[in-house]
Amino acid sequence: MSTLALVGRRTAMADDEWQCRVDLAAAYRLVALFKWDDLVFTHISARVPGRHDQFLINPYGLMFEEITASSLVKIDLQGNKLEDSPHPVNPAGFTIHSAVHEARHDAGCVLHVHSLNGVAVSAQRGGVLPISQQSIFVLSSLGYHDYEGVALNAEEKPRLVRDLGPHSFLMLRNHGLLTVGATVSEAFLNMYVFESTCTIQVRAQAGGELIPVDARIVAGARQAAAQVTKGLGSNLTWPGLLRRLDRQLPGYDQ
């Protein structure tokens, strides 16, 4: 897109939508930076501010480190593109993300990855084990969804929604990880904790006997998280992550 066209598009767009686009493009590039991406085959979506029936998703075919605010595709809950774009939308991405956005109006962002450690733990019958500090935060808000094949069937949507429930973390069995958040930054921080939990678990399982965390500590994880972050949550980490992107993968805000 030319500089003139980009300026014109930005001028015609509400400030809150543009900021949402910038944050979502940043999240795509951060997923690439942290090596959680799977070529072009996973998705992050963000609800258009003020709209429960529209969301932004990646242009199918672009690598995550290539995605920019202006290249994101705006679609409705039926998968229809709401503005001109030369890029299609991954149908499996639409199925998963439209299901969550339609059911969870508090989910401003839905982040799904096929990270290697996440998929490894998703294939374990025991799922996430309470063996690390990171795991207690995941276990305090975790659901599981059984694998039904590539997510192309709209009939799977109610079961996805049921298994996610009110949780922030969803393990897609034999498939990968999914997080939701009120904001892009919150969904990203949740995924950072989720993937870290899985990485630690896979490494710990290669060693000796595991020491489980006491169930009472897991039960108090949410309160502990609020104390550690002083109630600011992802607002503490997001500015620094953007600065890292500006140094290593600039251009997401174009």
C-alpha atoms as a PDB file:
ATOM      1  CA  MET A   1       0.000   0.000   0.000  1.00  0.00           C
ATOM      2  CA  SER A   2       1.355   3.417  -0.958  1.00  0.00           C
ATOM      3  CA  THR A   3       2.102   6.028   1.689  1.00  0.00           C
ATOM      4  CA  LEU A   4      -0.722   8.232   0.333  1.00  0.00           C
ATOM      5  CA  ALA A   5      -3.227   5.378   0.434  1.00  0.00           C
ATOM      6  CA  LEU A   6      -2.111   4.436   3.932  1.00  0.00           C
ATOM      7  CA  VAL A   7      -2.583   7.999   5.187  1.00  0.00           C
ATOM      8  CA  GLY A   8      -6.003   8.185   3.566  1.00  0.00           C
ATOM      9  CA  ARG A   9      -7.115   4.912   5.128  1.00  0.00           C
ATOM     10  CA  ARG A  10      -5.813   5.929   8.527  1.00  0.00           C
ATOM     11  CA  THR A  11      -7.610   9.298   8.325  1.00  0.00           C
ATOM     12  CA  ALA A  12     -10.922   7.643   7.480  1.00  0.00           C
ATOM     13  CA  MET A  13     -10.690   5.234  10.419  1.00  0.00           C
ATOM     14  CA  ALA A  14     -11.688   5.815  14.046  1.00  0.00           C
ATOM     15  CA  ASP A  15      -8.720   6.272  16.376  1.00  0.00           C
ATOM     16  CA  ASP A  16      -9.697   3.321  18.541  1.00  0.00           C
ATOM     17  CA  GLU A  17      -9.886   0.961  15.573  1.00  0.00           C
ATOM     18  CA  TRP A  18      -6.477   2.070  14.319  1.00  0.00           C
ATOM     19  CA  GLN A  19      -4.950   1.530  17.770  1.00  0.00           C
ATOM     20  CA  CYS A  20      -6.535  -1.918  17.885  1.00  0.00           C
ATOM     21  CA  ARG A  21      -4.995  -2.673  14.480  1.00  0.00           C
ATOM     22  CA  VAL A  22      -1.556  -1.521  15.631  1.00  0.00           C
ATOM     23  CA  ASP A  23      -1.735  -3.692  18.759  1.00  0.00           C
ATOM     24  CA  LEU A  24      -2.962  -6.719  16.811  1.00  0.00           C
ATOM     25  CA  ALA A  25      -0.231  -6.379  14.171  1.00  0.00           C
ATOM     26  CA  ALA A  26       2.283  -6.087  17.013  1.00  0.00           C
ATOM     27  CA  ALA A  27       0.946  -9.298  18.543  1.00  0.00           C
ATOM     28  CA  TYR A  28       1.434 -11.158  15.254  1.00  0.00           C
ATOM     29  CA  ARG A  29       5.028  -9.985  15.042  1.00  0.00           C
ATOM     30  CA  LEU A  30       5.681 -10.843  18.672  1.00  0.00           C
ATOM     31  CA  VAL A  31       4.381 -14.369  18.087  1.00  0.00           C
ATOM     32  CA  ALA A  32       6.916 -14.636  15.258  1.00  0.00           C
ATOM     33  CA  LEU A  33       9.653 -13.151  17.432  1.00  0.00           C
ATOM     34  CA  PHE A  34       8.976 -15.682  20.205  1.00  0.00           C
ATOM     35  CA  LYS A  35       8.882 -18.485  17.588  1.00  0.00           C
ATOM     36  CA  TRP A  36       5.344 -19.605  18.343  1.00  0.00           C
ATOM     37  CA  ASP A  37       4.208 -19.195  14.742  1.00  0.00           C
ATOM     38  CA  ASP A  38       3.467 -22.060  12.367  1.00  0.00           C
ATOM     39  CA  LEU A  39       4.226 -20.423   9.002  1.00  0.00           C
ATOM     40  CA  VAL A  40       0.832 -18.833   8.098  1.00  0.00           C
ATOM     41  CA  PHE A  41      -1.433 -21.364   9.801  1.00  0.00           C
ATOM     42  CA  THR A  42      -2.560 -19.891  13.108  1.00  0.00           C
ATOM     43  CA  HIS A  43      -4.495 -16.796  13.981  1.00  0.00           C
ATOM     44  CA  ILE A  44      -4.974 -13.870  16.320  1.00  0.00           C
ATOM     45  CA  SER A  45      -8.172 -11.845  16.124  1.00  0.00           C
ATOM     46  CA  ALA A  46      -9.356  -8.659  17.795  1.00  0.00           C
ATOM     47  CA  ARG A  47     -12.870  -7.319  18.079  1.00  0.00           C
ATOM     48  CA  VAL A  48     -13.420  -3.986  16.314  1.00  0.00           C
ATOM     49  CA  PRO A  49     -13.934  -1.501  19.179  1.00  0.00           C
ATOM     50  CA  GLY A  50     -17.603  -0.855  19.832  1.00  0.00           C
ATOM     51  CA  ARG A  51     -18.776  -3.738  17.622  1.00  0.00           C
ATOM     52  CA  HIS A  52     -19.755  -7.210  18.781  1.00  0.00           C
ATOM     53  CA  ASP A  53     -20.248  -8.440  15.206  1.00  0.00           C
ATOM     54  CA  GLN A  54     -16.946  -7.446  13.567  1.00  0.00           C
ATOM     55  CA  PHE A  55     -13.366  -8.471  14.128  1.00  0.00           C
ATOM     56  CA  LEU A  56      -9.911  -8.165  12.599  1.00  0.00           C
ATOM     57  CA  ILE A  57      -7.841 -11.161  11.549  1.00  0.00           C
ATOM     58  CA  ASN A  58      -4.670 -11.906   9.586  1.00  0.00           C
ATOM     59  CA  PRO A  59      -4.500 -11.781   5.799  1.00  0.00           C
ATOM     60  CA  TYR A  60      -4.071 -15.462   4.926  1.00  0.00           C
ATOM     61  CA  GLY A  61      -0.751 -16.032   3.212  1.00  0.00           C
ATOM     62  CA  LEU A  62       1.329 -13.366   4.940  1.00  0.00           C
ATOM     63  CA  MET A  63       3.992 -14.501   7.377  1.00  0.00           C
ATOM     64  CA  PHE A  64       3.402 -13.160  10.868  1.00  0.00           C
ATOM     65  CA  GLU A  65       6.484 -10.932  10.760  1.00  0.00           C
ATOM     66  CA  GLU A  66       5.044  -9.280   7.612  1.00  0.00           C
ATOM     67  CA  ILE A  67       1.681  -8.275   9.045  1.00  0.00           C
ATOM     68  CA  THR A  68       0.918  -4.571   9.458  1.00  0.00           C
ATOM     69  CA  ALA A  69      -1.968  -2.622  10.938  1.00  0.00           C
ATOM     70  CA  SER A  70      -3.294  -1.712   7.485  1.00  0.00           C
ATOM     71  CA  SER A  71      -3.061  -5.253   6.059  1.00  0.00           C
ATOM     72  CA  LEU A  72      -5.383  -6.815   8.653  1.00  0.00           C
ATOM     73  CA  VAL A  73      -8.740  -7.987   7.283  1.00  0.00           C
ATOM     74  CA  LYS A  74     -12.037  -6.858   8.821  1.00  0.00           C
ATOM     75  CA  ILE A  75     -14.783  -9.506   8.728  1.00  0.00           C
ATOM     76  CA  ASP A  76     -18.184 -10.153  10.268  1.00  0.00           C
ATOM     77  CA  LEU A  77     -19.355 -13.197  12.218  1.00  0.00           C
ATOM     78  CA  GLN A  78     -20.361 -14.906   8.961  1.00  0.00           C
ATOM     79  CA  GLY A  79     -16.850 -14.521   7.519  1.00  0.00           C
ATOM     80  CA  ASN A  80     -17.718 -11.793   5.029  1.00  0.00           C
ATOM     81  CA  LYS A  81     -14.982  -9.258   4.305  1.00  0.00           C
ATOM     82  CA  LEU A  82     -16.177  -5.773   5.209  1.00  0.00           C
ATOM     83  CA  GLU A  83     -13.599  -3.851   3.223  1.00  0.00           C
ATOM     84  CA  ASP A  84     -11.442  -4.352   0.162  1.00  0.00           C
ATOM     85  CA  SER A  85      -8.535  -6.732   0.681  1.00  0.00           C
ATOM     86  CA  PRO A  86      -6.599  -8.845  -1.802  1.00  0.00           C
ATOM     87  CA  HIS A  87      -6.146 -11.515   0.844  1.00  0.00           C
ATOM     88  CA  PRO A  88      -8.487 -14.368   1.838  1.00  0.00           C
ATOM     89  CA  VAL A  89      -9.239 -15.472   5.408  1.00  0.00           C
ATOM     90  CA  ASN A  90      -8.252 -18.934   6.654  1.00  0.00           C
ATOM     91  CA  PRO A  91     -11.581 -20.808   7.075  1.00  0.00           C
ATOM     92  CA  ALA A  92     -10.331 -22.743  10.110  1.00  0.00           C
ATOM     93  CA  GLY A  93      -9.315 -19.474  11.726  1.00  0.00           C
ATOM     94  CA  PHE A  94     -12.752 -18.051  11.063  1.00  0.00           C
ATOM     95  CA  THR A  95     -14.498 -21.036  12.668  1.00  0.00           C
ATOM     96  CA  ILE A  96     -12.568 -20.849  15.933  1.00  0.00           C
ATOM     97  CA  HIS A  97     -12.428 -17.099  16.323  1.00  0.00           C
ATOM     98  CA  SER A  98     -15.983 -16.308  15.255  1.00  0.00           C
ATOM     99  CA  ALA A  99     -17.274 -18.860  17.768  1.00  0.00           C
ATOM    100  CA  VAL A 100     -15.431 -17.224  20.657  1.00  0.00           C
ATOM    101  CA  HIS A 101     -16.161 -13.621  19.655  1.00  0.00           C
ATOM    102  CA  GLU A 102     -19.857 -14.337  19.203  1.00  0.00           C
ATOM    103  CA  ALA A 103     -20.187 -16.018  22.609  1.00  0.00           C
ATOM    104  CA  ARG A 104     -17.706 -14.067  24.734  1.00  0.00           C
ATOM    105  CA  HIS A 105     -18.312 -10.322  24.442  1.00  0.00           C
ATOM    106  CA  ASP A 106     -15.582  -9.816  27.044  1.00  0.00           C
ATOM    107  CA  ALA A 107     -13.041 -11.388  24.669  1.00  0.00           C
ATOM    108  CA  GLY A 108     -11.539  -8.409  22.897  1.00  0.00           C
ATOM    109  CA  CYS A 109      -8.759 -10.636  21.558  1.00  0.00           C
ATOM    110  CA  VAL A 110      -8.484 -14.357  20.797  1.00  0.00           C
ATOM    111  CA  LEU A 111      -4.979 -15.765  20.289  1.00  0.00           C
ATOM    112  CA  HIS A 112      -4.355 -19.277  18.940  1.00  0.00           C
ATOM    113  CA  VAL A 113      -0.972 -20.933  18.307  1.00  0.00           C
ATOM    114  CA  HIS A 114       0.475 -24.309  17.330  1.00  0.00           C
ATOM    115  CA  SER A 115       3.614 -23.841  19.424  1.00  0.00           C
ATOM    116  CA  LEU A 116       5.731 -26.991  19.657  1.00  0.00           C
ATOM    117  CA  ASN A 117       5.653 -27.281  23.435  1.00  0.00           C
ATOM    118  CA  GLY A 118       1.978 -26.370  23.577  1.00  0.00           C
ATOM    119  CA  VAL A 119       1.043 -29.085  21.106  1.00  0.00           C
ATOM    120  CA  ALA A 120       3.257 -31.556  22.981  1.00  0.00           C
ATOM    121  CA  VAL A 121       1.409 -30.988  26.255  1.00  0.00           C
ATOM    122  CA  SER A 122      -1.960 -30.938  24.469  1.00  0.00           C
ATOM    123  CA  ALA A 123      -1.223 -34.533  23.428  1.00  0.00           C
ATOM    124  CA  GLN A 124      -0.610 -35.644  27.031  1.00  0.00           C
ATOM    125  CA  ARG A 125      -3.558 -37.210  28.807  1.00  0.00           C
ATOM    126  CA  GLY A 126      -2.809 -35.342  32.023  1.00  0.00           C
ATOM    127  CA  GLY A 127      -2.715 -31.953  30.319  1.00  0.00           C
ATOM    128  CA  VAL A 128      -1.190 -29.100  32.291  1.00  0.00           C
ATOM    129  CA  LEU A 129       0.436 -30.294  35.516  1.00  0.00           C
ATOM    130  CA  PRO A 130       0.810 -28.117  38.644  1.00  0.00           C
ATOM    131  CA  ILE A 131       4.599 -28.226  38.660  1.00  0.00           C
ATOM    132  CA  SER A 132       5.694 -24.611  38.148  1.00  0.00           C
ATOM    133  CA  GLN A 133       4.821 -21.126  39.295  1.00  0.00           C
ATOM    134  CA  GLN A 134       3.663 -20.361  35.745  1.00  0.00           C
ATOM    135  CA  SER A 135       1.309 -23.353  35.732  1.00  0.00           C
ATOM    136  CA  ILE A 136      -0.725 -22.162  38.715  1.00  0.00           C
ATOM    137  CA  PHE A 137      -1.958 -19.115  36.794  1.00  0.00           C
ATOM    138  CA  VAL A 138      -2.987 -21.256  33.827  1.00  0.00           C
ATOM    139  CA  LEU A 139      -4.693 -23.851  36.018  1.00  0.00           C
ATOM    140  CA  SER A 140      -6.742 -21.161  37.728  1.00  0.00           C
ATOM    141  CA  SER A 141      -8.645 -20.526  34.460  1.00  0.00           C
ATOM    142  CA  LEU A 142      -8.173 -23.492  32.108  1.00  0.00           C
ATOM    143  CA  GLY A 143     -10.521 -25.483  29.864  1.00  0.00           C
ATOM    144  CA  TYR A 144      -9.899 -28.412  27.499  1.00  0.00           C
ATOM    145  CA  HIS A 145     -11.426 -29.095  24.082  1.00  0.00           C
ATOM    146  CA  ASP A 146     -11.131 -32.520  22.433  1.00  0.00           C
ATOM    147  CA  TYR A 147      -9.758 -32.714  18.911  1.00  0.00           C
ATOM    148  CA  GLU A 148     -12.370 -32.961  16.144  1.00  0.00           C
ATOM    149  CA  GLY A 149     -10.093 -32.532  13.136  1.00  0.00           C
ATOM    150  CA  VAL A 150      -9.220 -29.320  11.299  1.00  0.00           C
ATOM    151  CA  ALA A 151     -11.685 -26.710  12.545  1.00  0.00           C
ATOM    152  CA  LEU A 152     -13.815 -26.341   9.418  1.00  0.00           C
ATOM    153  CA  ASN A 153     -17.155 -27.565  10.751  1.00  0.00           C
ATOM    154  CA  ALA A 154     -19.499 -24.910  12.140  1.00  0.00           C
ATOM    155  CA  GLU A 155     -21.147 -27.640  14.237  1.00  0.00           C
ATOM    156  CA  GLU A 156     -18.018 -27.650  16.421  1.00  0.00           C
ATOM    157  CA  LYS A 157     -18.584 -24.048  17.549  1.00  0.00           C
ATOM    158  CA  PRO A 158     -20.977 -24.774  20.458  1.00  0.00           C
ATOM    159  CA  ARG A 159     -18.564 -27.339  21.869  1.00  0.00           C
ATOM    160  CA  LEU A 160     -15.648 -24.910  21.606  1.00  0.00           C
ATOM    161  CA  VAL A 161     -17.671 -22.286  23.444  1.00  0.00           C
ATOM    162  CA  ARG A 162     -18.799 -24.794  26.082  1.00  0.00           C
ATOM    163  CA  ASP A 163     -15.258 -26.003  26.758  1.00  0.00           C
ATOM    164  CA  LEU A 164     -13.804 -22.506  26.924  1.00  0.00           C
ATOM    165  CA  GLY A 165     -16.601 -21.413  29.291  1.00  0.00           C
ATOM    166  CA  PRO A 166     -15.554 -18.348  31.315  1.00  0.00           C
ATOM    167  CA  HIS A 167     -11.862 -19.286  31.180  1.00  0.00           C
ATOM    168  CA  SER A 168      -8.896 -17.319  29.842  1.00  0.00           C
ATOM    169  CA  PHE A 169      -6.961 -20.417  28.698  1.00  0.00           C
ATOM    170  CA  LEU A 170      -8.115 -23.275  26.470  1.00  0.00           C
ATOM    171  CA  MET A 171      -6.022 -26.309  25.582  1.00  0.00           C
ATOM    172  CA  LEU A 172      -7.069 -27.696  22.211  1.00  0.00           C
ATOM    173  CA  ARG A 173      -6.230 -31.385  22.535  1.00  0.00           C
ATOM    174  CA  ASN A 174      -3.712 -32.658  19.935  1.00  0.00           C
ATOM    175  CA  HIS A 175      -3.826 -29.202  18.379  1.00  0.00           C
ATOM    176  CA  GLY A 176      -2.476 -26.259  20.356  1.00  0.00           C
ATOM    177  CA  LEU A 177      -3.199 -23.402  22.719  1.00  0.00           C
ATOM    178  CA  LEU A 178      -5.781 -20.624  22.831  1.00  0.00           C
ATOM    179  CA  THR A 179      -6.049 -17.601  25.087  1.00  0.00           C
ATOM    180  CA  VAL A 180      -8.520 -14.760  25.374  1.00  0.00           C
ATOM    181  CA  GLY A 181      -8.200 -11.332  26.905  1.00  0.00           C
ATOM    182  CA  ALA A 182     -10.114  -8.092  27.159  1.00  0.00           C
ATOM    183  CA  THR A 183      -7.269  -6.531  25.172  1.00  0.00           C
ATOM    184  CA  VAL A 184      -4.618  -7.715  22.737  1.00  0.00           C
ATOM    185  CA  SER A 185      -1.946  -7.204  25.367  1.00  0.00           C
ATOM    186  CA  GLU A 186      -3.833  -9.323  27.907  1.00  0.00           C
ATOM    187  CA  ALA A 187      -4.328 -12.206  25.483  1.00  0.00           C
ATOM    188  CA  PHE A 188      -0.634 -12.051  24.562  1.00  0.00           C
ATOM    189  CA  LEU A 189       0.541 -12.102  28.184  1.00  0.00           C
ATOM    190  CA  ASN A 190      -1.783 -15.046  28.838  1.00  0.00           C
ATOM    191  CA  MET A 191      -0.210 -16.902  25.915  1.00  0.00           C
ATOM    192  CA  TYR A 192       3.289 -16.115  27.154  1.00  0.00           C
ATOM    193  CA  VAL A 193       2.422 -17.720  30.499  1.00  0.00           C
ATOM    194  CA  PHE A 194       0.638 -20.662  28.806  1.00  0.00           C
ATOM    195  CA  GLU A 195       3.510 -21.489  26.460  1.00  0.00           C
ATOM    196  CA  SER A 196       6.068 -21.033  29.258  1.00  0.00           C
ATOM    197  CA  THR A 197       4.078 -23.484  31.369  1.00  0.00           C
ATOM    198  CA  CYS A 198       4.171 -26.077  28.582  1.00  0.00           C
ATOM    199  CA  THR A 199       7.872 -25.560  27.875  1.00  0.00           C
ATOM    200  CA  ILE A 200       8.767 -26.012  31.535  1.00  0.00           C
ATOM    201  CA  GLN A 201       6.589 -29.122  31.767  1.00  0.00           C
ATOM    202  CA  VAL A 202       8.149 -30.811  28.738  1.00  0.00           C
ATOM    203  CA  ARG A 203      11.655 -30.107  30.066  1.00  0.00           C
ATOM    204  CA  ALA A 204      10.809 -31.214  33.599  1.00  0.00           C
ATOM    205  CA  GLN A 205       9.358 -34.490  32.343  1.00  0.00           C
ATOM    206  CA  ALA A 206      12.740 -35.321  30.805  1.00  0.00           C
ATOM    207  CA  GLY A 207      14.297 -35.343  34.253  1.00  0.00           C
ATOM    208  CA  GLY A 208      13.507 -36.951  37.592  1.00  0.00           C
ATOM    209  CA  GLU A 209      10.436 -37.206  39.781  1.00  0.00           C
ATOM    210  CA  LEU A 210       8.148 -34.152  39.602  1.00  0.00           C
ATOM    211  CA  ILE A 211       7.082 -32.150  42.662  1.00  0.00           C
ATOM    212  CA  PRO A 212       3.450 -30.953  42.420  1.00  0.00           C
ATOM    213  CA  VAL A 213       2.368 -27.552  43.714  1.00  0.00           C
ATOM    214  CA  ASP A 214      -0.076 -27.675  46.606  1.00  0.00           C
ATOM    215  CA  ALA A 215      -3.704 -27.349  45.446  1.00  0.00           C
ATOM    216  CA  ARG A 216      -4.294 -24.515  47.926  1.00  0.00           C
ATOM    217  CA  ILE A 217      -1.626 -22.445  46.182  1.00  0.00           C
ATOM    218  CA  VAL A 218      -3.240 -23.084  42.803  1.00  0.00           C
ATOM    219  CA  ALA A 219      -6.580 -21.965  44.239  1.00  0.00           C
ATOM    220  CA  GLY A 220      -5.082 -18.615  45.277  1.00  0.00           C
ATOM    221  CA  ALA A 221      -3.274 -17.967  41.993  1.00  0.00           C
ATOM    222  CA  ARG A 222      -5.555 -15.210  40.698  1.00  0.00           C
ATOM    223  CA  GLN A 223      -5.213 -13.177  43.864  1.00  0.00           C
ATOM    224  CA  ALA A 224      -1.455 -13.673  43.826  1.00  0.00           C
ATOM    225  CA  ALA A 225      -1.241 -12.488  40.210  1.00  0.00           C
ATOM    226  CA  ALA A 226      -3.124  -9.306  41.068  1.00  0.00           C
ATOM    227  CA  GLN A 227      -0.687  -8.596  43.889  1.00  0.00           C
ATOM    228  CA  VAL A 228       2.397  -9.192  41.739  1.00  0.00           C
ATOM    229  CA  THR A 229       1.201  -6.893  38.958  1.00  0.00           C
ATOM    230  CA  LYS A 230      -0.444  -4.355  41.291  1.00  0.00           C
ATOM    231  CA  GLY A 231      -3.624  -4.871  39.286  1.00  0.00           C
ATOM    232  CA  LEU A 232      -1.994  -3.594  36.086  1.00  0.00           C
ATOM    233  CA  GLY A 233      -1.560  -6.989  34.433  1.00  0.00           C
ATOM    234  CA  SER A 234      -0.426  -6.791  30.818  1.00  0.00           C
ATOM    235  CA  ASN A 235      -0.117  -2.986  30.980  1.00  0.00           C
ATOM    236  CA  LEU A 236       3.216  -3.565  32.730  1.00  0.00           C
ATOM    237  CA  THR A 237       4.691  -5.664  29.937  1.00  0.00           C
ATOM    238  CA  TRP A 238       3.135  -4.360  26.713  1.00  0.00           C
ATOM    239  CA  PRO A 239       5.080  -1.070  26.343  1.00  0.00           C
ATOM    240  CA  GLY A 240       8.373  -2.923  26.734  1.00  0.00           C
ATOM    241  CA  LEU A 241       7.320  -5.539  24.197  1.00  0.00           C
ATOM    242  CA  LEU A 242       6.520  -2.789  21.694  1.00  0.00           C
ATOM    243  CA  ARG A 243       9.922  -1.237  22.286  1.00  0.00           C
ATOM    244  CA  ARG A 244      11.505  -4.620  21.558  1.00  0.00           C
ATOM    245  CA  LEU A 245       9.538  -4.811  18.311  1.00  0.00           C
ATOM    246  CA  ASP A 246      10.632  -1.301  17.353  1.00  0.00           C
ATOM    247  CA  ARG A 247      14.224  -2.486  17.670  1.00  0.00           C
ATOM    248  CA  GLN A 248      13.899  -5.907  16.043  1.00  0.00           C
ATOM    249  CA  LEU A 249      10.808  -5.982  13.771  1.00  0.00           C
ATOM    250  CA  PRO A 250       9.722  -2.391  13.100  1.00  0.00           C
ATOM    251  CA  GLY A 251       6.913  -1.458  10.701  1.00  0.00           C
ATOM    252  CA  TYR A 252       3.947  -3.189  12.335  1.00  0.00           C
ATOM    253  CA  ASP A 253       2.217   0.190  12.770  1.00  0.00           C
ATOM    254  CA  GLN A 254       2.067   0.905   9.045  1.00  0.00           C
END
